PDB file of all heavy atoms in Angstrom:
ATOM      1  N   SER A   1     265.241 181.161 116.965  1.00  0.00           N
ATOM      2  CA  SER A   1     264.196 180.354 116.326  1.00  0.00           C
ATOM      3  C   SER A   1     262.922 181.167 116.112  1.00  0.00           C
ATOM      4  O   SER A   1     262.251 181.033 115.074  1.00  0.00           O
ATOM      5  CB  SER A   1     263.893 179.118 117.174  1.00  0.00           C
ATOM      6  OG  SER A   1     265.012 178.253 117.196  1.00  0.00           O
ATOM      7  N   THR A   2     262.591 182.026 117.080  1.00  0.00           N
ATOM      8  CA  THR A   2     261.391 182.858 116.938  1.00  0.00           C
ATOM      9  C   THR A   2     261.537 183.790 115.737  1.00  0.00           C
ATOM     10  O   THR A   2     260.597 183.952 114.938  1.00  0.00           O
ATOM     11  CB  THR A   2     261.148 183.680 118.216  1.00  0.00           C
ATOM     12  OG1 THR A   2     261.035 182.786 119.323  1.00  0.00           O
ATOM     13  CG2 THR A   2     259.877 184.505 118.109  1.00  0.00           C
ATOM     14  N   LEU A   3     262.707 184.394 115.593  1.00  0.00           N
ATOM     15  CA  LEU A   3     262.951 185.299 114.468  1.00  0.00           C
ATOM     16  C   LEU A   3     262.826 184.554 113.145  1.00  0.00           C
ATOM     17  O   LEU A   3     262.226 185.054 112.186  1.00  0.00           O
ATOM     18  CB  LEU A   3     264.339 185.934 114.598  1.00  0.00           C
ATOM     19  CG  LEU A   3     264.676 187.061 113.622  1.00  0.00           C
ATOM     20  CD1 LEU A   3     263.761 188.260 113.834  1.00  0.00           C
ATOM     21  CD2 LEU A   3     266.141 187.482 113.755  1.00  0.00           C
ATOM     22  N   MET A   4     263.365 183.333 113.089  1.00  0.00           N
ATOM     23  CA  MET A   4     263.303 182.553 111.846  1.00  0.00           C
ATOM     24  C   MET A   4     261.881 182.073 111.558  1.00  0.00           C
ATOM     25  O   MET A   4     261.472 181.979 110.397  1.00  0.00           O
ATOM     26  CB  MET A   4     264.260 181.360 111.928  1.00  0.00           C
ATOM     27  CG  MET A   4     265.731 181.751 111.879  1.00  0.00           C
ATOM     28  SD  MET A   4     266.168 182.666 110.360  1.00  0.00           S
ATOM     29  CE  MET A   4     266.020 184.378 110.907  1.00  0.00           C
ATOM     30  N   LYS A   5     261.106 181.759 112.594  1.00  0.00           N
ATOM     31  CA  LYS A   5     259.725 181.330 112.373  1.00  0.00           C
ATOM     32  C   LYS A   5     258.862 182.484 111.866  1.00  0.00           C
ATOM     33  O   LYS A   5     257.908 182.273 111.110  1.00  0.00           O
ATOM     34  CB  LYS A   5     259.150 180.732 113.655  1.00  0.00           C
ATOM     35  CG  LYS A   5     259.693 179.336 113.933  1.00  0.00           C
ATOM     36  CD  LYS A   5     259.164 178.750 115.229  1.00  0.00           C
ATOM     37  CE  LYS A   5     259.720 177.350 115.446  1.00  0.00           C
ATOM     38  NZ  LYS A   5     259.276 176.756 116.730  1.00  0.00           N
ATOM     39  N   ILE A   6     259.225 183.695 112.255  1.00  0.00           N
ATOM     40  CA  ILE A   6     258.538 184.873 111.703  1.00  0.00           C
ATOM     41  C   ILE A   6     258.905 185.032 110.229  1.00  0.00           C
ATOM     42  O   ILE A   6     258.043 185.286 109.383  1.00  0.00           O
ATOM     43  CB  ILE A   6     258.896 186.137 112.514  1.00  0.00           C
ATOM     44  CG1 ILE A   6     258.181 186.098 113.873  1.00  0.00           C
ATOM     45  CG2 ILE A   6     258.530 187.408 111.748  1.00  0.00           C
ATOM     46  CD1 ILE A   6     258.606 187.184 114.835  1.00  0.00           C
ATOM     47  N   LEU A   7     260.172 184.849 109.902  1.00  0.00           N
ATOM     48  CA  LEU A   7     260.608 184.934 108.511  1.00  0.00           C
ATOM     49  C   LEU A   7     259.939 183.856 107.655  1.00  0.00           C
ATOM     50  O   LEU A   7     259.584 184.093 106.495  1.00  0.00           O
ATOM     51  CB  LEU A   7     262.136 184.790 108.431  1.00  0.00           C
ATOM     52  CG  LEU A   7     262.763 184.855 107.033  1.00  0.00           C
ATOM     53  CD1 LEU A   7     262.516 186.210 106.390  1.00  0.00           C
ATOM     54  CD2 LEU A   7     264.256 184.562 107.101  1.00  0.00           C
ATOM     55  N   ALA A   8     259.735 182.676 108.249  1.00  0.00           N
ATOM     56  CA  ALA A   8     259.161 181.548 107.502  1.00  0.00           C
ATOM     57  C   ALA A   8     257.640 181.513 107.554  1.00  0.00           C
ATOM     58  O   ALA A   8     257.022 180.597 107.013  1.00  0.00           O
ATOM     59  CB  ALA A   8     259.726 180.238 108.039  1.00  0.00           C
ATOM     60  N   GLY A   9     257.005 182.492 108.226  1.00  0.00           N
ATOM     61  CA  GLY A   9     255.554 182.577 108.251  1.00  0.00           C
ATOM     62  C   GLY A   9     254.869 181.692 109.274  1.00  0.00           C
ATOM     63  O   GLY A   9     253.643 181.613 109.312  1.00  0.00           O
ATOM     64  N   ALA A  10     255.658 181.023 110.140  1.00  0.00           N
ATOM     65  CA  ALA A  10     255.062 180.162 111.169  1.00  0.00           C
ATOM     66  C   ALA A  10     254.521 181.001 112.332  1.00  0.00           C
ATOM     67  O   ALA A  10     253.572 180.589 112.998  1.00  0.00           O
ATOM     68  CB  ALA A  10     256.090 179.159 111.670  1.00  0.00           C
ATOM     69  N   TYR A  11     255.147 182.147 112.605  1.00  0.00           N
ATOM     70  CA  TYR A  11     254.670 183.104 113.607  1.00  0.00           C
ATOM     71  C   TYR A  11     254.407 184.433 112.907  1.00  0.00           C
ATOM     72  O   TYR A  11     255.052 184.759 111.905  1.00  0.00           O
ATOM     73  CB  TYR A  11     255.716 183.348 114.704  1.00  0.00           C
ATOM     74  CG  TYR A  11     255.971 182.216 115.657  1.00  0.00           C
ATOM     75  CD1 TYR A  11     257.150 182.193 116.426  1.00  0.00           C
ATOM     76  CD2 TYR A  11     255.071 181.162 115.823  1.00  0.00           C
ATOM     77  CE1 TYR A  11     257.416 181.158 117.322  1.00  0.00           C
ATOM     78  CE2 TYR A  11     255.327 180.133 116.717  1.00  0.00           C
ATOM     79  CZ  TYR A  11     256.507 180.133 117.455  1.00  0.00           C
ATOM     80  OH  TYR A  11     256.757 179.109 118.331  1.00  0.00           O
ATOM     81  N   ILE A  12     253.492 185.217 113.475  1.00  0.00           N
ATOM     82  CA  ILE A  12     253.222 186.575 112.977  1.00  0.00           C
ATOM     83  C   ILE A  12     253.861 187.570 113.942  1.00  0.00           C
ATOM     84  O   ILE A  12     253.635 187.499 115.154  1.00  0.00           O
ATOM     85  CB  ILE A  12     251.701 186.836 112.884  1.00  0.00           C
ATOM     86  CG1 ILE A  12     251.022 185.763 112.014  1.00  0.00           C
ATOM     87  CG2 ILE A  12     251.442 188.234 112.333  1.00  0.00           C
ATOM     88  CD1 ILE A  12     251.489 185.709 110.599  1.00  0.00           C
ATOM     89  N   LYS A  13     254.668 188.475 113.429  1.00  0.00           N
ATOM     90  CA  LYS A  13     255.320 189.474 114.281  1.00  0.00           C
ATOM     91  C   LYS A  13     254.286 190.420 114.890  1.00  0.00           C
ATOM     92  O   LYS A  13     253.233 190.678 114.302  1.00  0.00           O
ATOM     93  CB  LYS A  13     256.355 190.265 113.478  1.00  0.00           C
ATOM     94  CG  LYS A  13     255.770 191.010 112.286  1.00  0.00           C
ATOM     95  CD  LYS A  13     256.862 191.701 111.477  1.00  0.00           C
ATOM     96  CE  LYS A  13     256.327 192.264 110.169  1.00  0.00           C
ATOM     97  NZ  LYS A  13     255.226 193.190 110.252  1.00  0.00           N
ATOM     98  N   ASP A  14     254.612 190.968 116.063  1.00  0.00           N
ATOM     99  CA  ASP A  14     253.748 191.974 116.679  1.00  0.00           C
ATOM    100  C   ASP A  14     254.018 193.355 116.082  1.00  0.00           C
ATOM    101  O   ASP A  14     253.107 194.176 115.932  1.00  0.00           O
ATOM    102  CB  ASP A  14     253.977 192.011 118.195  1.00  0.00           C
ATOM    103  CG  ASP A  14     253.510 190.730 118.873  1.00  0.00           C
ATOM    104  OD1 ASP A  14     252.639 190.045 118.307  1.00  0.00           O
ATOM    105  OD2 ASP A  14     254.025 190.398 119.953  1.00  0.00           O
ATOM    106  N   SER A  15     255.299 193.614 115.778  1.00  0.00           N
ATOM    107  CA  SER A  15     255.663 194.887 115.147  1.00  0.00           C
ATOM    108  C   SER A  15     256.993 194.732 114.434  1.00  0.00           C
ATOM    109  O   SER A  15     257.703 193.747 114.616  1.00  0.00           O
ATOM    110  CB  SER A  15     255.749 196.012 116.197  1.00  0.00           C
ATOM    111  OG  SER A  15     256.734 195.712 117.169  1.00  0.00           O
ATOM    112  N   GLY A  16     257.335 195.736 113.610  1.00  0.00           N
ATOM    113  CA  GLY A  16     258.570 195.695 112.837  1.00  0.00           C
ATOM    114  C   GLY A  16     258.292 195.557 111.352  1.00  0.00           C
ATOM    115  O   GLY A  16     257.140 195.392 110.926  1.00  0.00           O
ATOM    116  N   THR A  17     259.355 195.642 110.544  1.00  0.00           N
ATOM    117  CA  THR A  17     259.207 195.551 109.086  1.00  0.00           C
ATOM    118  C   THR A  17     260.150 194.489 108.520  1.00  0.00           C
ATOM    119  O   THR A  17     261.237 194.252 109.048  1.00  0.00           O
ATOM    120  CB  THR A  17     259.509 196.894 108.399  1.00  0.00           C
ATOM    121  OG1 THR A  17     260.855 197.298 108.721  1.00  0.00           O
ATOM    122  CG2 THR A  17     258.544 197.968 108.845  1.00  0.00           C
ATOM    123  N   ILE A  18     259.687 193.882 107.421  1.00  0.00           N
ATOM    124  CA  ILE A  18     260.497 192.895 106.702  1.00  0.00           C
ATOM    125  C   ILE A  18     260.591 193.346 105.246  1.00  0.00           C
ATOM    126  O   ILE A  18     259.574 193.543 104.572  1.00  0.00           O
ATOM    127  CB  ILE A  18     259.877 191.483 106.769  1.00  0.00           C
ATOM    128  CG1 ILE A  18     259.724 191.020 108.220  1.00  0.00           C
ATOM    129  CG2 ILE A  18     260.722 190.487 105.977  1.00  0.00           C
ATOM    130  CD1 ILE A  18     258.990 189.696 108.369  1.00  0.00           C
ATOM    131  N   MET A  19     261.823 193.508 104.781  1.00  0.00           N
ATOM    132  CA  MET A  19     262.079 193.829 103.378  1.00  0.00           C
ATOM    133  C   MET A  19     262.685 192.589 102.728  1.00  0.00           C
ATOM    134  O   MET A  19     263.678 192.040 103.221  1.00  0.00           O
ATOM    135  CB  MET A  19     263.047 195.008 103.246  1.00  0.00           C
ATOM    136  CG  MET A  19     262.588 196.289 103.907  1.00  0.00           C
ATOM    137  SD  MET A  19     261.157 197.037 103.098  1.00  0.00           S
ATOM    138  CE  MET A  19     261.874 197.550 101.535  1.00  0.00           C
ATOM    139  N   PHE A  20     262.083 192.132 101.635  1.00  0.00           N
ATOM    140  CA  PHE A  20     262.602 190.966 100.914  1.00  0.00           C
ATOM    141  C   PHE A  20     262.923 191.360  99.483  1.00  0.00           C
ATOM    142  O   PHE A  20     262.046 191.783  98.734  1.00  0.00           O
ATOM    143  CB  PHE A  20     261.592 189.820 100.942  1.00  0.00           C
ATOM    144  CG  PHE A  20     262.111 188.555 100.303  1.00  0.00           C
ATOM    145  CD1 PHE A  20     262.904 187.678 101.017  1.00  0.00           C
ATOM    146  CD2 PHE A  20     261.824 188.265  98.975  1.00  0.00           C
ATOM    147  CE1 PHE A  20     263.404 186.519 100.420  1.00  0.00           C
ATOM    148  CE2 PHE A  20     262.318 187.115  98.369  1.00  0.00           C
ATOM    149  CZ  PHE A  20     263.110 186.239  99.099  1.00  0.00           C
ATOM    150  N   ASP A  21     264.193 191.270  99.141  1.00  0.00           N
ATOM    151  CA  ASP A  21     264.664 191.604  97.792  1.00  0.00           C
ATOM    152  C   ASP A  21     264.205 192.998  97.369  1.00  0.00           C
ATOM    153  O   ASP A  21     263.749 193.224  96.244  1.00  0.00           O
ATOM    154  CB  ASP A  21     264.173 190.554  96.791  1.00  0.00           C
ATOM    155  CG  ASP A  21     265.117 190.403  95.597  1.00  0.00           C
ATOM    156  OD1 ASP A  21     266.183 191.052  95.607  1.00  0.00           O
ATOM    157  OD2 ASP A  21     264.799 189.643  94.675  1.00  0.00           O
ATOM    158  N   GLY A  22     264.308 193.940  98.332  1.00  0.00           N
ATOM    159  CA  GLY A  22     264.027 195.341  98.039  1.00  0.00           C
ATOM    160  C   GLY A  22     262.592 195.780  98.229  1.00  0.00           C
ATOM    161  O   GLY A  22     262.290 196.965  98.083  1.00  0.00           O
ATOM    162  N   GLU A  23     261.687 194.848  98.544  1.00  0.00           N
ATOM    163  CA  GLU A  23     260.279 195.214  98.710  1.00  0.00           C
ATOM    164  C   GLU A  23     259.780 194.827 100.097  1.00  0.00           C
ATOM    165  O   GLU A  23     260.148 193.776 100.626  1.00  0.00           O
ATOM    166  CB  GLU A  23     259.410 194.512  97.657  1.00  0.00           C
ATOM    167  CG  GLU A  23     259.703 194.950  96.231  1.00  0.00           C
ATOM    168  CD  GLU A  23     258.767 194.284  95.227  1.00  0.00           C
ATOM    169  OE1 GLU A  23     257.830 193.585  95.681  1.00  0.00           O
ATOM    170  OE2 GLU A  23     258.975 194.461  94.025  1.00  0.00           O
ATOM    171  N   GLN A  24     258.938 195.680 100.701  1.00  0.00           N
ATOM    172  CA  GLN A  24     258.369 195.361 102.005  1.00  0.00           C
ATOM    173  C   GLN A  24     257.316 194.271 101.842  1.00  0.00           C
ATOM    174  O   GLN A  24     256.475 194.318 100.947  1.00  0.00           O
ATOM    175  CB  GLN A  24     257.745 196.602 102.649  1.00  0.00           C
ATOM    176  CG  GLN A  24     257.258 196.348 104.072  1.00  0.00           C
ATOM    177  CD  GLN A  24     256.884 197.621 104.805  1.00  0.00           C
ATOM    178  OE1 GLN A  24     257.390 198.707 104.474  1.00  0.00           O
ATOM    179  NE2 GLN A  24     256.026 197.506 105.801  1.00  0.00           N
ATOM    180  N   VAL A  25     257.375 193.272 102.745  1.00  0.00           N
ATOM    181  CA  VAL A  25     256.438 192.144 102.655  1.00  0.00           C
ATOM    182  C   VAL A  25     255.819 191.872 104.025  1.00  0.00           C
ATOM    183  O   VAL A  25     256.399 192.174 105.063  1.00  0.00           O
ATOM    184  CB  VAL A  25     257.142 190.859 102.151  1.00  0.00           C
ATOM    185  CG1 VAL A  25     257.581 191.016 100.709  1.00  0.00           C
ATOM    186  CG2 VAL A  25     258.328 190.487 103.039  1.00  0.00           C
ATOM    187  N   GLU A  26     254.623 191.311 103.983  1.00  0.00           N
ATOM    188  CA  GLU A  26     253.970 190.779 105.181  1.00  0.00           C
ATOM    189  C   GLU A  26     253.829 189.274 104.968  1.00  0.00           C
ATOM    190  O   GLU A  26     253.123 188.842 104.055  1.00  0.00           O
ATOM    191  CB  GLU A  26     252.595 191.423 105.400  1.00  0.00           C
ATOM    192  CG  GLU A  26     252.643 192.903 105.737  1.00  0.00           C
ATOM    193  CD  GLU A  26     253.311 193.189 107.069  1.00  0.00           C
ATOM    194  OE1 GLU A  26     253.242 192.309 107.971  1.00  0.00           O
ATOM    195  OE2 GLU A  26     253.913 194.267 107.218  1.00  0.00           O
ATOM    196  N   ILE A  27     254.525 188.505 105.774  1.00  0.00           N
ATOM    197  CA  ILE A  27     254.543 187.049 105.591  1.00  0.00           C
ATOM    198  C   ILE A  27     253.561 186.428 106.573  1.00  0.00           C
ATOM    199  O   ILE A  27     253.829 186.320 107.775  1.00  0.00           O
ATOM    200  CB  ILE A  27     255.959 186.485 105.787  1.00  0.00           C
ATOM    201  CG1 ILE A  27     256.943 187.198 104.842  1.00  0.00           C
ATOM    202  CG2 ILE A  27     255.982 184.976 105.538  1.00  0.00           C
ATOM    203  CD1 ILE A  27     258.402 186.830 105.052  1.00  0.00           C
ATOM    204  N   GLY A  28     252.394 186.008 106.068  1.00  0.00           N
ATOM    205  CA  GLY A  28     251.313 185.556 106.937  1.00  0.00           C
ATOM    206  C   GLY A  28     251.205 184.059 107.105  1.00  0.00           C
ATOM    207  O   GLY A  28     250.428 183.580 107.933  1.00  0.00           O
ATOM    208  N   SER A  29     251.988 183.295 106.317  1.00  0.00           N
ATOM    209  CA  SER A  29     251.886 181.842 106.408  1.00  0.00           C
ATOM    210  C   SER A  29     253.137 181.211 105.797  1.00  0.00           C
ATOM    211  O   SER A  29     253.833 181.847 104.991  1.00  0.00           O
ATOM    212  CB  SER A  29     250.660 181.336 105.651  1.00  0.00           C
ATOM    213  OG  SER A  29     250.843 181.535 104.260  1.00  0.00           O
ATOM    214  N   PRO A  30     253.434 179.942 106.141  1.00  0.00           N
ATOM    215  CA  PRO A  30     254.568 179.251 105.513  1.00  0.00           C
ATOM    216  C   PRO A  30     254.424 179.169 103.993  1.00  0.00           C
ATOM    217  O   PRO A  30     255.422 179.250 103.272  1.00  0.00           O
ATOM    218  CB  PRO A  30     254.527 177.860 106.156  1.00  0.00           C
ATOM    219  CG  PRO A  30     253.890 178.073 107.489  1.00  0.00           C
ATOM    220  CD  PRO A  30     252.865 179.139 107.250  1.00  0.00           C
ATOM    221  N   LYS A  31     253.182 179.001 103.516  1.00  0.00           N
ATOM    222  CA  LYS A  31     252.956 178.923 102.069  1.00  0.00           C
ATOM    223  C   LYS A  31     253.339 180.230 101.388  1.00  0.00           C
ATOM    224  O   LYS A  31     253.926 180.230 100.297  1.00  0.00           O
ATOM    225  CB  LYS A  31     251.476 178.605 101.810  1.00  0.00           C
ATOM    226  CG  LYS A  31     251.199 178.018 100.438  1.00  0.00           C
ATOM    227  CD  LYS A  31     251.708 176.598 100.352  1.00  0.00           C
ATOM    228  CE  LYS A  31     251.437 176.002  98.976  1.00  0.00           C
ATOM    229  NZ  LYS A  31     252.081 174.684  98.806  1.00  0.00           N
ATOM    230  N   GLN A  32     253.034 181.338 102.041  1.00  0.00           N
ATOM    231  CA  GLN A  32     253.381 182.651 101.480  1.00  0.00           C
ATOM    232  C   GLN A  32     254.886 182.849 101.460  1.00  0.00           C
ATOM    233  O   GLN A  32     255.452 183.374 100.494  1.00  0.00           O
ATOM    234  CB  GLN A  32     252.707 183.748 102.301  1.00  0.00           C
ATOM    235  CG  GLN A  32     252.816 185.130 101.673  1.00  0.00           C
ATOM    236  CD  GLN A  32     252.099 186.184 102.496  1.00  0.00           C
ATOM    237  OE1 GLN A  32     251.390 185.871 103.450  1.00  0.00           O
ATOM    238  NE2 GLN A  32     252.292 187.434 102.132  1.00  0.00           N
ATOM    239  N   ALA A  33     255.561 182.407 102.533  1.00  0.00           N
ATOM    240  CA  ALA A  33     257.027 182.508 102.589  1.00  0.00           C
ATOM    241  C   ALA A  33     257.655 181.687 101.471  1.00  0.00           C
ATOM    242  O   ALA A  33     258.580 182.131 100.789  1.00  0.00           O
ATOM    243  CB  ALA A  33     257.525 182.023 103.952  1.00  0.00           C
ATOM    244  N   GLU A  34     257.125 180.479 101.285  1.00  0.00           N
ATOM    245  CA  GLU A  34     257.622 179.588 100.232  1.00  0.00           C
ATOM    246  C   GLU A  34     257.422 180.214  98.851  1.00  0.00           C
ATOM    247  O   GLU A  34     258.304 180.137  97.983  1.00  0.00           O
ATOM    248  CB  GLU A  34     256.874 178.256 100.332  1.00  0.00           C
ATOM    249  CG  GLU A  34     257.324 177.189  99.375  1.00  0.00           C
ATOM    250  CD  GLU A  34     256.523 175.913  99.536  1.00  0.00           C
ATOM    251  OE1 GLU A  34     256.673 175.232 100.565  1.00  0.00           O
ATOM    252  OE2 GLU A  34     255.718 175.598  98.626  1.00  0.00           O
ATOM    253  N   LYS A  35     256.281 180.876  98.668  1.00  0.00           N
ATOM    254  CA  LYS A  35     255.952 181.458  97.370  1.00  0.00           C
ATOM    255  C   LYS A  35     256.941 182.545  96.956  1.00  0.00           C
ATOM    256  O   LYS A  35     257.275 182.675  95.771  1.00  0.00           O
ATOM    257  CB  LYS A  35     254.529 182.029  97.422  1.00  0.00           C
ATOM    258  CG  LYS A  35     253.988 182.474  96.075  1.00  0.00           C
ATOM    259  CD  LYS A  35     252.532 182.907  96.185  1.00  0.00           C
ATOM    260  CE  LYS A  35     251.990 183.348  94.828  1.00  0.00           C
ATOM    261  NZ  LYS A  35     250.569 183.769  94.913  1.00  0.00           N
ATOM    262  N   ILE A  36     257.421 183.332  97.943  1.00  0.00           N
ATOM    263  CA  ILE A  36     258.353 184.410  97.586  1.00  0.00           C
ATOM    264  C   ILE A  36     259.811 183.945  97.589  1.00  0.00           C
ATOM    265  O   ILE A  36     260.706 184.704  97.214  1.00  0.00           O
ATOM    266  CB  ILE A  36     258.194 185.642  98.508  1.00  0.00           C
ATOM    267  CG1 ILE A  36     258.549 185.303  99.965  1.00  0.00           C
ATOM    268  CG2 ILE A  36     256.803 186.226  98.387  1.00  0.00           C
ATOM    269  CD1 ILE A  36     258.546 186.516 100.882  1.00  0.00           C
ATOM    270  N   GLY A  37     260.044 182.663  98.016  1.00  0.00           N
ATOM    271  CA  GLY A  37     261.397 182.129  97.906  1.00  0.00           C
ATOM    272  C   GLY A  37     262.133 181.934  99.216  1.00  0.00           C
ATOM    273  O   GLY A  37     263.366 181.988  99.242  1.00  0.00           O
ATOM    274  N   ILE A  38     261.396 181.716 100.298  1.00  0.00           N
ATOM    275  CA  ILE A  38     262.021 181.476 101.611  1.00  0.00           C
ATOM    276  C   ILE A  38     261.723 180.042 102.032  1.00  0.00           C
ATOM    277  O   ILE A  38     260.565 179.617 102.053  1.00  0.00           O
ATOM    278  CB  ILE A  38     261.486 182.442 102.688  1.00  0.00           C
ATOM    279  CG1 ILE A  38     261.816 183.888 102.316  1.00  0.00           C
ATOM    280  CG2 ILE A  38     262.080 182.110 104.062  1.00  0.00           C
ATOM    281  CD1 ILE A  38     261.111 184.916 103.180  1.00  0.00           C
ATOM    282  N   SER A  39     262.757 179.295 102.349  1.00  0.00           N
ATOM    283  CA  SER A  39     262.578 177.907 102.788  1.00  0.00           C
ATOM    284  C   SER A  39     263.351 177.689 104.080  1.00  0.00           C
ATOM    285  O   SER A  39     264.448 178.228 104.257  1.00  0.00           O
ATOM    286  CB  SER A  39     263.085 176.941 101.710  1.00  0.00           C
ATOM    287  OG  SER A  39     262.908 175.608 102.110  1.00  0.00           O
ATOM    288  N   ILE A  40     262.787 176.894 104.998  1.00  0.00           N
ATOM    289  CA  ILE A  40     263.445 176.637 106.277  1.00  0.00           C
ATOM    290  C   ILE A  40     263.569 175.133 106.486  1.00  0.00           C
ATOM    291  O   ILE A  40     262.621 174.380 106.260  1.00  0.00           O
ATOM    292  CB  ILE A  40     262.702 177.307 107.452  1.00  0.00           C
ATOM    293  CG1 ILE A  40     263.439 177.094 108.776  1.00  0.00           C
ATOM    294  CG2 ILE A  40     261.265 176.851 107.548  1.00  0.00           C
ATOM    295  CD1 ILE A  40     262.979 178.024 109.892  1.00  0.00           C
ATOM    296  N   ILE A  41     264.764 174.702 106.868  1.00  0.00           N
ATOM    297  CA  ILE A  41     265.022 173.300 107.187  1.00  0.00           C
ATOM    298  C   ILE A  41     265.191 173.210 108.694  1.00  0.00           C
ATOM    299  O   ILE A  41     266.205 173.646 109.254  1.00  0.00           O
ATOM    300  CB  ILE A  41     266.293 172.783 106.472  1.00  0.00           C
ATOM    301  CG1 ILE A  41     266.157 172.955 104.958  1.00  0.00           C
ATOM    302  CG2 ILE A  41     266.560 171.328 106.840  1.00  0.00           C
ATOM    303  CD1 ILE A  41     267.421 172.640 104.185  1.00  0.00           C
ATOM    304  N   TYR A  42     264.173 172.662 109.365  1.00  0.00           N
ATOM    305  CA  TYR A  42     264.195 172.588 110.821  1.00  0.00           C
ATOM    306  C   TYR A  42     265.123 171.478 111.293  1.00  0.00           C
ATOM    307  O   TYR A  42     265.465 170.556 110.537  1.00  0.00           O
ATOM    308  CB  TYR A  42     262.784 172.352 111.369  1.00  0.00           C
ATOM    309  CG  TYR A  42     261.845 173.514 111.173  1.00  0.00           C
ATOM    310  CD1 TYR A  42     260.867 173.488 110.181  1.00  0.00           C
ATOM    311  CD2 TYR A  42     261.946 174.650 111.964  1.00  0.00           C
ATOM    312  CE1 TYR A  42     260.006 174.555 109.995  1.00  0.00           C
ATOM    313  CE2 TYR A  42     261.082 175.732 111.786  1.00  0.00           C
ATOM    314  CZ  TYR A  42     260.115 175.676 110.801  1.00  0.00           C
ATOM    315  OH  TYR A  42     259.274 176.739 110.616  1.00  0.00           O
ATOM    316  N   GLN A  43     265.530 171.569 112.570  1.00  0.00           N
ATOM    317  CA  GLN A  43     266.396 170.561 113.162  1.00  0.00           C
ATOM    318  C   GLN A  43     265.725 169.185 113.105  1.00  0.00           C
ATOM    319  O   GLN A  43     266.367 168.183 112.829  1.00  0.00           O
ATOM    320  CB  GLN A  43     266.715 170.937 114.615  1.00  0.00           C
ATOM    321  CG  GLN A  43     267.808 170.077 115.237  1.00  0.00           C
ATOM    322  CD  GLN A  43     268.198 170.597 116.611  1.00  0.00           C
ATOM    323  OE1 GLN A  43     267.758 171.658 117.042  1.00  0.00           O
ATOM    324  NE2 GLN A  43     269.035 169.851 117.305  1.00  0.00           N
ATOM    325  N   GLU A  44     264.402 169.132 113.385  1.00  0.00           N
ATOM    326  CA  GLU A  44     263.649 167.897 113.220  1.00  0.00           C
ATOM    327  C   GLU A  44     263.150 167.876 111.773  1.00  0.00           C
ATOM    328  O   GLU A  44     262.243 168.611 111.411  1.00  0.00           O
ATOM    329  CB  GLU A  44     262.458 167.835 114.188  1.00  0.00           C
ATOM    330  CG  GLU A  44     262.858 167.693 115.655  1.00  0.00           C
ATOM    331  CD  GLU A  44     263.224 169.015 116.304  1.00  0.00           C
ATOM    332  OE1 GLU A  44     262.877 170.074 115.742  1.00  0.00           O
ATOM    333  OE2 GLU A  44     263.878 168.996 117.352  1.00  0.00           O
ATOM    334  N   LEU A  45     263.765 167.048 110.949  1.00  0.00           N
ATOM    335  CA  LEU A  45     263.517 167.065 109.511  1.00  0.00           C
ATOM    336  C   LEU A  45     262.042 166.814 109.200  1.00  0.00           C
ATOM    337  O   LEU A  45     261.377 166.008 109.847  1.00  0.00           O
ATOM    338  CB  LEU A  45     264.395 166.020 108.811  1.00  0.00           C
ATOM    339  CG  LEU A  45     265.909 166.226 108.990  1.00  0.00           C
ATOM    340  CD1 LEU A  45     266.667 165.132 108.270  1.00  0.00           C
ATOM    341  CD2 LEU A  45     266.340 167.592 108.484  1.00  0.00           C
TER     342      LEU A  45
END
């Protein structure tokens, strides 16, 4: 869940890199994740 929340912009990673569709990205918020095409459906809808 922590890894997915980092992907979805809910948490900010301490270190590491994220490549999305061939480009390095910094995902700072859920809105930013949504903008580039990442959506998360949580267990609690």
